[in-house]
Amino acid sequence: MFKVTPVCTYCDKEIKGNEVVFVKMRYPERKGMTEIKAYLQNEGKLICEECFNKKSK
């Protein structure tokens, strides 16, 4: 219904299932159960492996 497609923050490449990604985010203060994909999409910045390797060099 409200499906959000995950994309890389730097190159806007669509992130597919089973792909290696890096997430930049703050460690959460609170405890609890949550749906991990939605949490990462809302609270973190997704970075594809190619952009991460380019930036780290």
PDB file of N, CA and C in Angstrom:
ATOM      1  N   MET A   1       0.811  -1.179   0.000  1.00  0.00           N
ATOM      2  CA  MET A   1       0.000   0.000   0.000  1.00  0.00           C
ATOM      3  C   MET A   1       0.869   1.265   0.000  1.00  0.00           C
ATOM      4  N   PHE A   2       1.707   1.467   1.036  1.00  0.00           N
ATOM      5  CA  PHE A   2       2.595   2.620   1.096  1.00  0.00           C
ATOM      6  C   PHE A   2       4.027   2.163   0.919  1.00  0.00           C
ATOM      7  N   LYS A   3       4.269   1.352  -0.066  1.00  0.00           N
ATOM      8  CA  LYS A   3       5.592   0.778  -0.268  1.00  0.00           C
ATOM      9  C   LYS A   3       6.594   1.854  -0.665  1.00  0.00           C
ATOM     10  N   VAL A   4       7.668   1.952   0.105  1.00  0.00           N
ATOM     11  CA  VAL A   4       8.744   2.893  -0.165  1.00  0.00           C
ATOM     12  C   VAL A   4       9.924   2.093  -0.690  1.00  0.00           C
ATOM     13  N   THR A   5      10.463   2.504  -1.830  1.00  0.00           N
ATOM     14  CA  THR A   5      11.595   1.811  -2.410  1.00  0.00           C
ATOM     15  C   THR A   5      12.876   2.356  -1.790  1.00  0.00           C
ATOM     16  N   PRO A   6      13.702   1.491  -1.185  1.00  0.00           N
ATOM     17  CA  PRO A   6      14.953   1.981  -0.595  1.00  0.00           C
ATOM     18  C   PRO A   6      15.956   2.364  -1.681  1.00  0.00           C
ATOM     19  N   VAL A   7      16.595   3.511  -1.517  1.00  0.00           N
ATOM     20  CA  VAL A   7      17.589   3.985  -2.471  1.00  0.00           C
ATOM     21  C   VAL A   7      18.826   4.463  -1.716  1.00  0.00           C
ATOM     22  N   CYS A   8      19.967   4.445  -2.401  1.00  0.00           N
ATOM     23  CA  CYS A   8      21.228   4.935  -1.845  1.00  0.00           C
ATOM     24  C   CYS A   8      21.130   6.441  -1.649  1.00  0.00           C
ATOM     25  N   THR A   9      21.640   6.933  -0.543  1.00  0.00           N
ATOM     26  CA  THR A   9      21.605   8.355  -0.229  1.00  0.00           C
ATOM     27  C   THR A   9      22.461   9.166  -1.192  1.00  0.00           C
ATOM     28  N   TYR A  10      23.551   8.590  -1.678  1.00  0.00           N
ATOM     29  CA  TYR A  10      24.490   9.333  -2.511  1.00  0.00           C
ATOM     30  C   TYR A  10      24.178   9.258  -4.003  1.00  0.00           C
ATOM     31  N   CYS A  11      23.884   8.057  -4.531  1.00  0.00           N
ATOM     32  CA  CYS A  11      23.726   7.925  -5.984  1.00  0.00           C
ATOM     33  C   CYS A  11      22.287   7.649  -6.421  1.00  0.00           C
ATOM     34  N   ASP A  12      21.358   7.523  -5.502  1.00  0.00           N
ATOM     35  CA  ASP A  12      19.938   7.261  -5.776  1.00  0.00           C
ATOM     36  C   ASP A  12      19.687   5.938  -6.500  1.00  0.00           C
ATOM     37  N   LYS A  13      20.626   5.000  -6.375  1.00  0.00           N
ATOM     38  CA  LYS A  13      20.447   3.672  -6.959  1.00  0.00           C
ATOM     39  C   LYS A  13      19.470   2.885  -6.087  1.00  0.00           C
ATOM     40  N   GLU A  14      18.546   2.176  -6.711  1.00  0.00           N
ATOM     41  CA  GLU A  14      17.588   1.370  -5.970  1.00  0.00           C
ATOM     42  C   GLU A  14      18.307   0.192  -5.321  1.00  0.00           C
ATOM     43  N   ILE A  15      18.008  -0.054  -4.063  1.00  0.00           N
ATOM     44  CA  ILE A  15      18.625  -1.147  -3.323  1.00  0.00           C
ATOM     45  C   ILE A  15      17.703  -2.355  -3.399  1.00  0.00           C
ATOM     46  N   LYS A  16      18.244  -3.447  -3.896  1.00  0.00           N
ATOM     47  CA  LYS A  16      17.485  -4.685  -4.077  1.00  0.00           C
ATOM     48  C   LYS A  16      17.638  -5.577  -2.848  1.00  0.00           C
ATOM     49  N   GLY A  17      16.806  -6.598  -2.760  1.00  0.00           N
ATOM     50  CA  GLY A  17      16.895  -7.564  -1.676  1.00  0.00           C
ATOM     51  C   GLY A  17      18.187  -8.356  -1.745  1.00  0.00           C
ATOM     52  N   ASN A  18      18.740  -8.690  -0.602  1.00  0.00           N
ATOM     53  CA  ASN A  18      19.953  -9.500  -0.474  1.00  0.00           C
ATOM     54  C   ASN A  18      21.204  -8.757  -0.950  1.00  0.00           C
ATOM     55  N   GLU A  19      21.148  -7.440  -1.074  1.00  0.00           N
ATOM     56  CA  GLU A  19      22.288  -6.631  -1.490  1.00  0.00           C
ATOM     57  C   GLU A  19      22.988  -6.090  -0.240  1.00  0.00           C
ATOM     58  N   VAL A  20      24.312  -5.958  -0.294  1.00  0.00           N
ATOM     59  CA  VAL A  20      25.074  -5.431   0.830  1.00  0.00           C
ATOM     60  C   VAL A  20      24.898  -3.920   0.871  1.00  0.00           C
ATOM     61  N   VAL A  21      24.492  -3.399   2.036  1.00  0.00           N
ATOM     62  CA  VAL A  21      24.336  -1.958   2.228  1.00  0.00           C
ATOM     63  C   VAL A  21      24.959  -1.563   3.555  1.00  0.00           C
ATOM     64  N   PHE A  22      25.223  -0.291   3.704  1.00  0.00           N
ATOM     65  CA  PHE A  22      25.722   0.266   4.948  1.00  0.00           C
ATOM     66  C   PHE A  22      24.711   1.312   5.405  1.00  0.00           C
ATOM     67  N   VAL A  23      24.518   1.393   6.713  1.00  0.00           N
ATOM     68  CA  VAL A  23      23.527   2.313   7.262  1.00  0.00           C
ATOM     69  C   VAL A  23      24.216   3.234   8.256  1.00  0.00           C
ATOM     70  N   LYS A  24      24.061   4.531   8.035  1.00  0.00           N
ATOM     71  CA  LYS A  24      24.594   5.521   8.962  1.00  0.00           C
ATOM     72  C   LYS A  24      23.435   6.002   9.821  1.00  0.00           C
ATOM     73  N   MET A  25      23.550   5.798  11.135  1.00  0.00           N
ATOM     74  CA  MET A  25      22.469   6.186  12.037  1.00  0.00           C
ATOM     75  C   MET A  25      22.987   6.276  13.465  1.00  0.00           C
ATOM     76  N   ARG A  26      22.223   6.898  14.303  1.00  0.00           N
ATOM     77  CA  ARG A  26      22.534   6.950  15.734  1.00  0.00           C
ATOM     78  C   ARG A  26      22.002   5.677  16.403  1.00  0.00           C
ATOM     79  N   TYR A  27      22.713   5.230  17.413  1.00  0.00           N
ATOM     80  CA  TYR A  27      22.260   4.077  18.189  1.00  0.00           C
ATOM     81  C   TYR A  27      21.009   4.485  18.969  1.00  0.00           C
ATOM     82  N   PRO A  28      19.937   3.684  18.896  1.00  0.00           N
ATOM     83  CA  PRO A  28      18.676   4.083  19.549  1.00  0.00           C
ATOM     84  C   PRO A  28      18.771   4.082  21.077  1.00  0.00           C
ATOM     85  N   GLU A  29      18.117   5.046  21.699  1.00  0.00           N
ATOM     86  CA  GLU A  29      18.091   5.147  23.162  1.00  0.00           C
ATOM     87  C   GLU A  29      17.095   4.177  23.778  1.00  0.00           C
ATOM     88  N   ARG A  30      16.019   3.937  23.082  1.00  0.00           N
ATOM     89  CA  ARG A  30      14.935   3.145  23.662  1.00  0.00           C
ATOM     90  C   ARG A  30      15.022   1.680  23.246  1.00  0.00           C
ATOM     91  N   LYS A  31      14.400   0.856  24.048  1.00  0.00           N
ATOM     92  CA  LYS A  31      14.320  -0.570  23.753  1.00  0.00           C
ATOM     93  C   LYS A  31      12.969  -0.854  23.120  1.00  0.00           C
ATOM     94  N   GLY A  32      12.865  -2.020  22.502  1.00  0.00           N
ATOM     95  CA  GLY A  32      11.567  -2.399  21.967  1.00  0.00           C
ATOM     96  C   GLY A  32      11.692  -3.186  20.683  1.00  0.00           C
ATOM     97  N   MET A  33      10.568  -3.633  20.209  1.00  0.00           N
ATOM     98  CA  MET A  33      10.502  -4.402  18.972  1.00  0.00           C
ATOM     99  C   MET A  33       9.982  -3.477  17.886  1.00  0.00           C
ATOM    100  N   THR A  34      10.558  -3.607  16.704  1.00  0.00           N
ATOM    101  CA  THR A  34      10.109  -2.797  15.579  1.00  0.00           C
ATOM    102  C   THR A  34      10.371  -3.540  14.281  1.00  0.00           C
ATOM    103  N   GLU A  35       9.744  -3.103  13.229  1.00  0.00           N
ATOM    104  CA  GLU A  35       9.984  -3.703  11.923  1.00  0.00           C
ATOM    105  C   GLU A  35      11.272  -3.090  11.381  1.00  0.00           C
ATOM    106  N   ILE A  36      12.310  -3.913  11.217  1.00  0.00           N
ATOM    107  CA  ILE A  36      13.661  -3.420  10.962  1.00  0.00           C
ATOM    108  C   ILE A  36      13.780  -2.626   9.666  1.00  0.00           C
ATOM    109  N   LYS A  37      13.158  -3.059   8.589  1.00  0.00           N
ATOM    110  CA  LYS A  37      13.274  -2.341   7.322  1.00  0.00           C
ATOM    111  C   LYS A  37      12.701  -0.935   7.429  1.00  0.00           C
ATOM    112  N   ALA A  38      11.555  -0.800   8.045  1.00  0.00           N
ATOM    113  CA  ALA A  38      10.930   0.512   8.206  1.00  0.00           C
ATOM    114  C   ALA A  38      11.780   1.397   9.124  1.00  0.00           C
ATOM    115  N   TYR A  39      12.323   0.824  10.177  1.00  0.00           N
ATOM    116  CA  TYR A  39      13.148   1.594  11.101  1.00  0.00           C
ATOM    117  C   TYR A  39      14.395   2.126  10.412  1.00  0.00           C
ATOM    118  N   LEU A  40      15.075   1.268   9.657  1.00  0.00           N
ATOM    119  CA  LEU A  40      16.276   1.695   8.950  1.00  0.00           C
ATOM    120  C   LEU A  40      15.961   2.766   7.912  1.00  0.00           C
ATOM    121  N   GLN A  41      14.860   2.622   7.218  1.00  0.00           N
ATOM    122  CA  GLN A  41      14.455   3.595   6.197  1.00  0.00           C
ATOM    123  C   GLN A  41      14.156   4.955   6.832  1.00  0.00           C
ATOM    124  N   ASN A  42      13.510   4.953   7.996  1.00  0.00           N
ATOM    125  CA  ASN A  42      13.107   6.204   8.643  1.00  0.00           C
ATOM    126  C   ASN A  42      14.221   6.865   9.444  1.00  0.00           C
ATOM    127  N   GLU A  43      15.055   6.061  10.089  1.00  0.00           N
ATOM    128  CA  GLU A  43      16.042   6.611  11.019  1.00  0.00           C
ATOM    129  C   GLU A  43      17.467   6.648  10.479  1.00  0.00           C
ATOM    130  N   GLY A  44      17.746   5.937   9.394  1.00  0.00           N
ATOM    131  CA  GLY A  44      19.116   5.863   8.907  1.00  0.00           C
ATOM    132  C   GLY A  44      19.271   6.358   7.490  1.00  0.00           C
ATOM    133  N   LYS A  45      20.524   6.454   7.056  1.00  0.00           N
ATOM    134  CA  LYS A  45      20.856   6.799   5.679  1.00  0.00           C
ATOM    135  C   LYS A  45      21.443   5.541   5.046  1.00  0.00           C
ATOM    136  N   LEU A  46      20.788   5.013   4.031  1.00  0.00           N
ATOM    137  CA  LEU A  46      21.255   3.810   3.361  1.00  0.00           C
ATOM    138  C   LEU A  46      22.323   4.180   2.338  1.00  0.00           C
ATOM    139  N   ILE A  47      23.429   3.420   2.337  1.00  0.00           N
ATOM    140  CA  ILE A  47      24.538   3.671   1.421  1.00  0.00           C
ATOM    141  C   ILE A  47      24.867   2.353   0.728  1.00  0.00           C
ATOM    142  N   CYS A  48      24.873   2.362  -0.619  1.00  0.00           N
ATOM    143  CA  CYS A  48      25.203   1.131  -1.344  1.00  0.00           C
ATOM    144  C   CYS A  48      26.698   0.835  -1.181  1.00  0.00           C
ATOM    145  N   GLU A  49      27.092  -0.389  -1.456  1.00  0.00           N
ATOM    146  CA  GLU A  49      28.470  -0.821  -1.259  1.00  0.00           C
ATOM    147  C   GLU A  49      29.443  -0.048  -2.148  1.00  0.00           C
ATOM    148  N   GLU A  50      29.046   0.246  -3.381  1.00  0.00           N
ATOM    149  CA  GLU A  50      29.915   0.973  -4.307  1.00  0.00           C
ATOM    150  C   GLU A  50      30.231   2.377  -3.779  1.00  0.00           C
ATOM    151  N   CYS A  51      29.211   3.094  -3.339  1.00  0.00           N
ATOM    152  CA  CYS A  51      29.418   4.450  -2.820  1.00  0.00           C
ATOM    153  C   CYS A  51      30.239   4.417  -1.531  1.00  0.00           C
ATOM    154  N   PHE A  52      30.015   3.428  -0.688  1.00  0.00           N
ATOM    155  CA  PHE A  52      30.770   3.307   0.558  1.00  0.00           C
ATOM    156  C   PHE A  52      32.245   3.080   0.261  1.00  0.00           C
ATOM    157  N   ASN A  53      32.535   2.214  -0.724  1.00  0.00           N
ATOM    158  CA  ASN A  53      33.929   1.937  -1.069  1.00  0.00           C
ATOM    159  C   ASN A  53      34.598   3.152  -1.715  1.00  0.00           C
ATOM    160  N   LYS A  54      33.878   3.913  -2.517  1.00  0.00           N
ATOM    161  CA  LYS A  54      34.420   5.122  -3.135  1.00  0.00           C
ATOM    162  C   LYS A  54      34.751   6.160  -2.059  1.00  0.00           C
ATOM    163  N   LYS A  55      33.850   6.316  -1.103  1.00  0.00           N
ATOM    164  CA  LYS A  55      34.002   7.337  -0.076  1.00  0.00           C
ATOM    165  C   LYS A  55      35.102   6.989   0.916  1.00  0.00           C
ATOM    166  N   SER A  56      35.307   5.700   1.193  1.00  0.00           N
ATOM    167  CA  SER A  56      36.293   5.287   2.187  1.00  0.00           C
ATOM    168  C   SER A  56      37.720   5.302   1.646  1.00  0.00           C
ATOM    169  N   LYS A  57      37.889   5.440   0.338  1.00  0.00           N
ATOM    170  CA  LYS A  57      39.249   5.463  -0.240  1.00  0.00           C
ATOM    171  C   LYS A  57      39.824   6.841  -0.249  1.00  0.00           C
TER     172      LYS A  57
END
